[in-house]
N, C-alpha and C. Protein backbone atom coordinates (compact mmCIF):
# COMPACT_ATOMS: atom_id res chain seq x y z
N UNK A 1 -65.95 -13.63 14.76
CA UNK A 1 -65.58 -12.48 15.54
C UNK A 1 -65.22 -11.31 14.62
N UNK A 2 -64.43 -11.57 13.59
CA UNK A 2 -64.01 -10.50 12.70
C UNK A 2 -65.20 -9.90 11.96
N UNK A 3 -66.14 -10.74 11.56
CA UNK A 3 -67.32 -10.21 10.88
C UNK A 3 -68.12 -9.30 11.80
N UNK A 4 -68.30 -9.70 13.05
CA UNK A 4 -69.02 -8.87 14.01
C UNK A 4 -68.29 -7.56 14.25
N UNK A 5 -66.99 -7.62 14.43
CA UNK A 5 -66.19 -6.41 14.66
C UNK A 5 -66.23 -5.49 13.43
N UNK A 6 -66.15 -6.08 12.25
CA UNK A 6 -66.20 -5.29 11.02
C UNK A 6 -67.53 -4.56 10.90
N UNK A 7 -68.59 -5.25 11.18
CA UNK A 7 -69.92 -4.62 11.07
C UNK A 7 -70.10 -3.53 12.12
N UNK A 8 -69.50 -3.70 13.28
CA UNK A 8 -69.53 -2.64 14.30
C UNK A 8 -68.77 -1.42 13.78
N UNK A 9 -67.61 -1.66 13.18
CA UNK A 9 -66.81 -0.56 12.62
C UNK A 9 -67.58 0.13 11.50
N UNK A 10 -68.23 -0.63 10.63
CA UNK A 10 -69.03 -0.03 9.55
C UNK A 10 -70.10 0.89 10.13
N UNK A 11 -70.81 0.40 11.15
CA UNK A 11 -71.88 1.19 11.76
C UNK A 11 -71.33 2.47 12.40
N UNK A 12 -70.22 2.37 13.08
CA UNK A 12 -69.61 3.56 13.68
C UNK A 12 -69.21 4.56 12.60
N UNK A 13 -68.61 4.08 11.55
CA UNK A 13 -68.16 4.96 10.47
C UNK A 13 -69.35 5.67 9.83
N UNK A 14 -70.43 4.95 9.61
CA UNK A 14 -71.63 5.57 9.04
C UNK A 14 -72.19 6.63 9.99
N UNK A 15 -72.27 6.30 11.26
CA UNK A 15 -72.85 7.21 12.24
C UNK A 15 -72.01 8.47 12.45
N UNK A 16 -70.70 8.35 12.34
CA UNK A 16 -69.82 9.47 12.67
C UNK A 16 -69.35 10.26 11.45
N UNK A 17 -69.77 9.87 10.26
CA UNK A 17 -69.38 10.57 9.04
C UNK A 17 -70.61 11.25 8.47
N UNK A 18 -70.58 12.59 8.47
CA UNK A 18 -71.73 13.30 7.92
C UNK A 18 -71.53 13.61 6.44
N UNK A 19 -72.55 14.17 5.84
CA UNK A 19 -72.54 14.40 4.39
C UNK A 19 -71.48 15.41 3.95
N UNK A 20 -70.97 16.21 4.87
CA UNK A 20 -69.98 17.22 4.52
C UNK A 20 -68.54 16.81 4.80
N UNK A 21 -68.33 15.62 5.33
CA UNK A 21 -66.98 15.16 5.64
C UNK A 21 -66.20 14.97 4.35
N UNK A 22 -65.05 15.64 4.19
CA UNK A 22 -64.24 15.42 2.99
C UNK A 22 -63.93 13.93 2.80
N UNK A 23 -63.86 13.51 1.56
CA UNK A 23 -63.70 12.10 1.26
C UNK A 23 -62.48 11.49 1.92
N UNK A 24 -61.34 12.14 1.85
CA UNK A 24 -60.14 11.55 2.45
C UNK A 24 -60.32 11.37 3.95
N UNK A 25 -61.00 12.31 4.61
CA UNK A 25 -61.24 12.18 6.05
C UNK A 25 -62.20 11.03 6.36
N UNK A 26 -63.25 10.91 5.56
CA UNK A 26 -64.21 9.81 5.75
C UNK A 26 -63.52 8.46 5.58
N UNK A 27 -62.70 8.35 4.54
CA UNK A 27 -62.00 7.09 4.30
C UNK A 27 -61.00 6.79 5.41
N UNK A 28 -60.25 7.79 5.85
CA UNK A 28 -59.27 7.56 6.90
C UNK A 28 -59.93 7.24 8.24
N UNK A 29 -61.12 7.80 8.49
CA UNK A 29 -61.84 7.43 9.70
C UNK A 29 -62.23 5.95 9.66
N UNK A 30 -62.72 5.51 8.52
CA UNK A 30 -63.09 4.10 8.35
C UNK A 30 -61.86 3.20 8.39
N UNK A 31 -60.89 3.47 7.54
CA UNK A 31 -59.70 2.64 7.46
C UNK A 31 -58.93 2.68 8.79
N UNK A 32 -58.89 3.84 9.42
CA UNK A 32 -58.19 3.97 10.70
C UNK A 32 -58.80 3.10 11.78
N UNK A 33 -60.10 2.95 11.77
CA UNK A 33 -60.75 2.06 12.75
C UNK A 33 -60.26 0.61 12.55
N UNK A 34 -60.12 0.21 11.30
CA UNK A 34 -59.61 -1.13 11.05
C UNK A 34 -58.15 -1.24 11.46
N UNK A 35 -57.35 -0.22 11.20
CA UNK A 35 -55.96 -0.26 11.63
C UNK A 35 -55.87 -0.35 13.16
N UNK A 36 -56.74 0.36 13.86
CA UNK A 36 -56.77 0.26 15.33
C UNK A 36 -57.10 -1.17 15.76
N UNK A 37 -58.08 -1.77 15.10
CA UNK A 37 -58.44 -3.16 15.42
C UNK A 37 -57.25 -4.09 15.16
N UNK A 38 -56.61 -3.95 14.01
CA UNK A 38 -55.48 -4.82 13.67
C UNK A 38 -54.33 -4.64 14.65
N UNK A 39 -54.13 -3.43 15.14
CA UNK A 39 -53.01 -3.15 16.05
C UNK A 39 -53.16 -3.84 17.40
N UNK A 40 -54.36 -4.22 17.77
CA UNK A 40 -54.57 -4.91 19.05
C UNK A 40 -53.85 -6.26 19.08
N UNK A 41 -53.82 -6.94 17.93
CA UNK A 41 -53.13 -8.23 17.84
C UNK A 41 -52.64 -8.40 16.40
N UNK A 42 -51.49 -7.80 16.08
CA UNK A 42 -51.01 -7.83 14.69
C UNK A 42 -50.82 -9.23 14.12
N UNK A 43 -50.38 -10.19 14.92
CA UNK A 43 -50.18 -11.54 14.39
C UNK A 43 -51.52 -12.17 13.99
N UNK A 44 -52.51 -12.05 14.84
CA UNK A 44 -53.83 -12.57 14.50
C UNK A 44 -54.41 -11.81 13.31
N UNK A 45 -54.23 -10.51 13.29
CA UNK A 45 -54.75 -9.70 12.18
C UNK A 45 -54.11 -10.08 10.86
N UNK A 46 -52.82 -10.36 10.87
CA UNK A 46 -52.14 -10.81 9.65
C UNK A 46 -52.76 -12.11 9.15
N UNK A 47 -53.07 -13.01 10.07
CA UNK A 47 -53.70 -14.28 9.69
C UNK A 47 -55.10 -14.04 9.11
N UNK A 48 -55.85 -13.15 9.73
CA UNK A 48 -57.18 -12.81 9.22
C UNK A 48 -57.09 -12.24 7.82
N UNK A 49 -56.16 -11.33 7.63
CA UNK A 49 -56.02 -10.69 6.32
C UNK A 49 -55.55 -11.67 5.25
N UNK A 50 -54.72 -12.63 5.62
CA UNK A 50 -54.34 -13.67 4.64
C UNK A 50 -55.58 -14.41 4.16
N UNK A 51 -56.51 -14.65 5.08
CA UNK A 51 -57.76 -15.32 4.70
C UNK A 51 -58.54 -14.47 3.69
N UNK A 52 -58.56 -13.17 3.91
CA UNK A 52 -59.29 -12.29 3.01
C UNK A 52 -58.61 -12.14 1.66
N UNK A 53 -57.32 -11.90 1.68
CA UNK A 53 -56.63 -11.56 0.44
C UNK A 53 -56.21 -12.78 -0.38
N UNK A 54 -56.02 -13.93 0.24
CA UNK A 54 -55.43 -15.05 -0.50
C UNK A 54 -56.24 -16.33 -0.47
N UNK A 55 -57.38 -16.32 0.14
CA UNK A 55 -58.24 -17.49 0.17
C UNK A 55 -59.16 -17.45 -1.05
N UNK A 56 -59.52 -18.62 -1.60
CA UNK A 56 -60.49 -18.60 -2.70
C UNK A 56 -61.77 -17.89 -2.27
N UNK A 57 -62.34 -17.15 -3.19
CA UNK A 57 -63.52 -16.34 -2.92
C UNK A 57 -64.69 -17.22 -2.48
N UNK A 58 -65.33 -16.83 -1.38
CA UNK A 58 -66.50 -17.54 -0.86
C UNK A 58 -67.65 -16.55 -0.75
N UNK A 59 -68.53 -16.52 -1.74
CA UNK A 59 -69.57 -15.50 -1.77
C UNK A 59 -70.47 -15.46 -0.53
N UNK A 60 -70.72 -16.59 0.08
CA UNK A 60 -71.63 -16.62 1.22
C UNK A 60 -70.95 -16.25 2.53
N UNK A 61 -69.66 -16.34 2.61
CA UNK A 61 -68.96 -16.08 3.88
C UNK A 61 -68.26 -14.73 3.81
N UNK A 62 -66.99 -14.76 3.50
CA UNK A 62 -66.21 -13.53 3.48
C UNK A 62 -66.61 -12.59 2.35
N UNK A 63 -67.17 -13.13 1.30
CA UNK A 63 -67.59 -12.29 0.17
C UNK A 63 -68.65 -11.29 0.57
N UNK A 64 -69.56 -11.68 1.44
CA UNK A 64 -70.61 -10.75 1.89
C UNK A 64 -70.00 -9.58 2.64
N UNK A 65 -69.04 -9.85 3.48
CA UNK A 65 -68.39 -8.79 4.25
C UNK A 65 -67.60 -7.85 3.32
N UNK A 66 -66.94 -8.41 2.34
CA UNK A 66 -66.21 -7.61 1.37
C UNK A 66 -67.16 -6.69 0.60
N UNK A 67 -68.31 -7.21 0.22
CA UNK A 67 -69.30 -6.39 -0.49
C UNK A 67 -69.82 -5.26 0.40
N UNK A 68 -70.04 -5.55 1.68
CA UNK A 68 -70.49 -4.51 2.61
C UNK A 68 -69.44 -3.41 2.74
N UNK A 69 -68.18 -3.81 2.84
CA UNK A 69 -67.09 -2.85 2.96
C UNK A 69 -67.04 -1.98 1.70
N UNK A 70 -67.09 -2.63 0.54
CA UNK A 70 -67.07 -1.90 -0.72
C UNK A 70 -68.26 -0.96 -0.87
N UNK A 71 -69.41 -1.38 -0.40
CA UNK A 71 -70.61 -0.54 -0.49
C UNK A 71 -70.46 0.71 0.38
N UNK A 72 -69.87 0.56 1.56
CA UNK A 72 -69.66 1.71 2.43
C UNK A 72 -68.68 2.70 1.80
N UNK A 73 -67.58 2.20 1.26
CA UNK A 73 -66.63 3.08 0.57
C UNK A 73 -67.35 3.75 -0.61
N UNK A 74 -68.16 2.99 -1.32
CA UNK A 74 -68.94 3.55 -2.43
C UNK A 74 -69.90 4.64 -1.97
N UNK A 75 -70.51 4.47 -0.81
CA UNK A 75 -71.39 5.51 -0.27
C UNK A 75 -70.62 6.80 -0.02
N UNK A 76 -69.40 6.66 0.52
CA UNK A 76 -68.57 7.85 0.77
C UNK A 76 -68.20 8.53 -0.56
N UNK A 77 -67.88 7.73 -1.56
CA UNK A 77 -67.54 8.27 -2.88
C UNK A 77 -68.76 8.96 -3.50
N UNK A 78 -69.92 8.33 -3.40
CA UNK A 78 -71.13 8.92 -3.97
C UNK A 78 -71.46 10.25 -3.29
N UNK A 79 -71.28 10.32 -1.98
CA UNK A 79 -71.54 11.57 -1.26
C UNK A 79 -70.56 12.66 -1.71
N UNK A 80 -69.30 12.29 -1.89
CA UNK A 80 -68.30 13.25 -2.35
C UNK A 80 -68.62 13.73 -3.76
N UNK A 81 -69.06 12.83 -4.60
CA UNK A 81 -69.43 13.21 -5.97
C UNK A 81 -70.65 14.13 -5.95
N UNK A 82 -71.64 13.82 -5.11
CA UNK A 82 -72.86 14.63 -5.03
C UNK A 82 -72.58 16.06 -4.56
N UNK A 83 -71.60 16.24 -3.71
CA UNK A 83 -71.30 17.60 -3.23
C UNK A 83 -70.25 18.29 -4.09
N UNK A 84 -69.85 17.68 -5.21
CA UNK A 84 -68.96 18.32 -6.16
C UNK A 84 -67.49 18.12 -5.88
N UNK A 85 -67.15 17.27 -4.92
CA UNK A 85 -65.75 17.02 -4.60
C UNK A 85 -65.08 16.18 -5.69
N UNK A 86 -65.87 15.38 -6.39
CA UNK A 86 -65.36 14.51 -7.45
C UNK A 86 -66.14 14.79 -8.74
N UNK A 87 -65.57 14.40 -9.87
CA UNK A 87 -66.23 14.60 -11.15
C UNK A 87 -67.60 13.91 -11.17
N UNK A 88 -68.56 14.55 -11.80
CA UNK A 88 -69.93 14.03 -11.80
C UNK A 88 -70.08 12.75 -12.62
N UNK A 89 -69.23 12.57 -13.63
CA UNK A 89 -69.35 11.37 -14.48
C UNK A 89 -68.57 10.17 -13.92
N UNK A 90 -67.94 10.36 -12.79
CA UNK A 90 -67.09 9.34 -12.19
C UNK A 90 -67.90 8.09 -11.80
N UNK A 91 -67.53 6.91 -12.28
CA UNK A 91 -68.23 5.69 -11.87
C UNK A 91 -67.90 5.40 -10.39
N UNK A 92 -68.91 5.42 -9.56
CA UNK A 92 -68.71 5.27 -8.11
C UNK A 92 -68.02 3.96 -7.77
N UNK A 93 -68.46 2.86 -8.35
CA UNK A 93 -67.89 1.55 -8.00
C UNK A 93 -66.41 1.46 -8.38
N UNK A 94 -66.05 2.02 -9.52
CA UNK A 94 -64.66 1.98 -9.96
C UNK A 94 -63.79 2.83 -9.03
N UNK A 95 -64.26 4.03 -8.72
CA UNK A 95 -63.50 4.91 -7.81
C UNK A 95 -63.38 4.28 -6.43
N UNK A 96 -64.45 3.69 -5.93
CA UNK A 96 -64.42 3.05 -4.61
C UNK A 96 -63.40 1.91 -4.59
N UNK A 97 -63.37 1.11 -5.63
CA UNK A 97 -62.40 0.01 -5.70
C UNK A 97 -60.97 0.53 -5.74
N UNK A 98 -60.74 1.58 -6.50
CA UNK A 98 -59.40 2.15 -6.60
C UNK A 98 -58.95 2.72 -5.26
N UNK A 99 -59.85 3.38 -4.56
CA UNK A 99 -59.50 3.96 -3.25
C UNK A 99 -59.29 2.86 -2.22
N UNK A 100 -60.13 1.85 -2.25
CA UNK A 100 -59.97 0.72 -1.32
C UNK A 100 -58.63 0.01 -1.55
N UNK A 101 -58.17 0.01 -2.79
CA UNK A 101 -56.90 -0.66 -3.10
C UNK A 101 -55.73 -0.03 -2.33
N UNK A 102 -55.80 1.26 -2.07
CA UNK A 102 -54.75 1.90 -1.27
C UNK A 102 -54.75 1.33 0.15
N UNK A 103 -55.93 1.18 0.72
CA UNK A 103 -56.05 0.57 2.05
C UNK A 103 -55.45 -0.83 2.03
N UNK A 104 -55.85 -1.64 1.07
CA UNK A 104 -55.37 -3.02 1.00
C UNK A 104 -53.85 -3.07 0.86
N UNK A 105 -53.31 -2.19 0.04
CA UNK A 105 -51.86 -2.17 -0.17
C UNK A 105 -51.12 -1.83 1.12
N UNK A 106 -51.53 -0.76 1.79
CA UNK A 106 -50.79 -0.32 2.97
C UNK A 106 -50.99 -1.24 4.17
N UNK A 107 -52.15 -1.88 4.27
CA UNK A 107 -52.33 -2.88 5.32
C UNK A 107 -51.42 -4.07 5.06
N UNK A 108 -51.33 -4.50 3.80
CA UNK A 108 -50.42 -5.59 3.44
C UNK A 108 -48.97 -5.21 3.69
N UNK A 109 -48.60 -3.96 3.35
CA UNK A 109 -47.22 -3.51 3.57
C UNK A 109 -46.87 -3.50 5.06
N UNK A 110 -47.85 -3.21 5.90
CA UNK A 110 -47.63 -3.20 7.35
C UNK A 110 -47.68 -4.61 7.94
N UNK A 111 -48.82 -5.28 7.81
CA UNK A 111 -49.01 -6.56 8.49
C UNK A 111 -48.48 -7.75 7.71
N UNK A 112 -48.53 -7.67 6.39
CA UNK A 112 -48.12 -8.81 5.58
C UNK A 112 -46.63 -8.91 5.38
N UNK A 113 -46.05 -7.86 4.87
CA UNK A 113 -44.62 -7.92 4.54
C UNK A 113 -43.74 -7.17 5.53
N UNK A 114 -44.36 -6.43 6.44
CA UNK A 114 -43.60 -5.66 7.46
C UNK A 114 -42.64 -4.66 6.81
N UNK A 115 -43.03 -4.11 5.68
CA UNK A 115 -42.20 -3.11 5.00
C UNK A 115 -42.26 -1.75 5.68
N UNK A 116 -43.38 -1.48 6.35
CA UNK A 116 -43.57 -0.20 7.01
C UNK A 116 -44.18 -0.42 8.39
N UNK A 117 -44.04 0.58 9.23
CA UNK A 117 -44.69 0.55 10.54
C UNK A 117 -46.16 0.91 10.36
N UNK A 118 -46.93 0.71 11.40
CA UNK A 118 -48.34 1.09 11.37
C UNK A 118 -48.46 2.60 11.11
N UNK A 119 -47.62 3.39 11.77
CA UNK A 119 -47.67 4.85 11.60
C UNK A 119 -47.36 5.24 10.15
N UNK A 120 -46.34 4.62 9.58
CA UNK A 120 -46.00 4.91 8.19
C UNK A 120 -47.12 4.47 7.24
N UNK A 121 -47.71 3.33 7.53
CA UNK A 121 -48.82 2.86 6.69
C UNK A 121 -49.97 3.86 6.72
N UNK A 122 -50.28 4.37 7.91
CA UNK A 122 -51.37 5.34 8.04
C UNK A 122 -51.05 6.62 7.26
N UNK A 123 -49.85 7.13 7.45
CA UNK A 123 -49.47 8.38 6.78
C UNK A 123 -49.43 8.21 5.26
N UNK A 124 -48.82 7.14 4.81
CA UNK A 124 -48.70 6.93 3.36
C UNK A 124 -50.05 6.63 2.71
N UNK A 125 -50.93 5.94 3.45
CA UNK A 125 -52.26 5.68 2.93
C UNK A 125 -53.00 7.01 2.73
N UNK A 126 -52.94 7.88 3.71
CA UNK A 126 -53.59 9.19 3.59
C UNK A 126 -53.02 9.95 2.39
N UNK A 127 -51.71 9.96 2.24
CA UNK A 127 -51.08 10.66 1.12
C UNK A 127 -51.52 10.07 -0.22
N UNK A 128 -51.57 8.75 -0.30
CA UNK A 128 -51.98 8.10 -1.55
C UNK A 128 -53.45 8.41 -1.87
N UNK A 129 -54.30 8.38 -0.85
CA UNK A 129 -55.71 8.71 -1.05
C UNK A 129 -55.86 10.16 -1.51
N UNK A 130 -55.14 11.08 -0.87
CA UNK A 130 -55.21 12.48 -1.27
C UNK A 130 -54.77 12.66 -2.72
N UNK A 131 -53.70 12.00 -3.09
CA UNK A 131 -53.20 12.10 -4.45
C UNK A 131 -54.23 11.58 -5.45
N UNK A 132 -54.81 10.44 -5.15
CA UNK A 132 -55.81 9.88 -6.07
C UNK A 132 -57.05 10.76 -6.13
N UNK A 133 -57.50 11.25 -5.00
CA UNK A 133 -58.68 12.11 -4.99
C UNK A 133 -58.44 13.38 -5.79
N UNK A 134 -57.23 13.93 -5.70
CA UNK A 134 -56.90 15.11 -6.52
C UNK A 134 -57.11 14.82 -8.00
N UNK A 135 -56.74 13.63 -8.44
CA UNK A 135 -56.92 13.26 -9.83
C UNK A 135 -58.37 13.02 -10.22
N UNK A 136 -59.24 12.84 -9.25
CA UNK A 136 -60.65 12.59 -9.51
C UNK A 136 -61.51 13.85 -9.39
N UNK A 137 -60.89 14.94 -8.99
CA UNK A 137 -61.64 16.19 -8.81
C UNK A 137 -62.05 16.78 -10.16
N UNK A 138 -63.14 17.56 -10.14
CA UNK A 138 -63.51 18.27 -11.37
C UNK A 138 -62.39 19.23 -11.76
N UNK A 139 -62.14 19.35 -13.03
CA UNK A 139 -61.10 20.24 -13.53
C UNK A 139 -61.73 21.59 -13.89
N UNK A 140 -61.00 22.67 -13.66
CA UNK A 140 -61.51 23.97 -14.11
C UNK A 140 -61.76 23.95 -15.61
N UNK A 141 -62.72 24.71 -16.06
CA UNK A 141 -63.11 24.72 -17.47
C UNK A 141 -61.93 24.98 -18.39
N UNK A 142 -61.05 25.90 -18.07
CA UNK A 142 -59.93 26.23 -18.95
C UNK A 142 -58.97 25.04 -19.09
N UNK A 143 -58.77 24.27 -18.02
CA UNK A 143 -57.89 23.09 -18.07
C UNK A 143 -58.52 22.01 -18.93
N UNK A 144 -59.81 21.84 -18.81
CA UNK A 144 -60.52 20.81 -19.60
C UNK A 144 -60.41 21.11 -21.08
N UNK A 145 -60.57 22.36 -21.47
CA UNK A 145 -60.49 22.73 -22.89
C UNK A 145 -59.10 22.53 -23.44
N UNK A 146 -58.07 22.81 -22.66
CA UNK A 146 -56.70 22.68 -23.15
C UNK A 146 -56.37 21.24 -23.48
N UNK A 147 -56.89 20.28 -22.73
CA UNK A 147 -56.57 18.87 -22.96
C UNK A 147 -57.24 18.32 -24.19
N UNK A 148 -58.34 18.86 -24.57
CA UNK A 148 -59.10 18.32 -25.72
C UNK A 148 -58.46 18.73 -26.95
């Protein structure tokens, strides 16, 4: 069931995110869909997430879904890089993994450890993504020269 729901969410996110959508908005649209799904049954969602985060890696089962999720985040990063929102030399896979880590952290803080509410997790995730994306943006020429 979770795999089917995840793939539906992936398809919706792809269909509703155009090439001009700012990266933080594209990510929050995707991650927000998962938060909405998890909010329907937080206890079940916590159990599902334990399977993802703490179960031994199974390439044929959950691993395929994880790769699909990572590829979608990577597509959003690549689009942002292509339109100049991110540095051109930025490795897409590395940036996608780093951005996805914010999602994983705040979902765990909400459903796993109950450190924050769903609303706080959403707000803090957006803030963390914005902060990281700021660090990945191209720097003005004068700033780049000063650092060297």
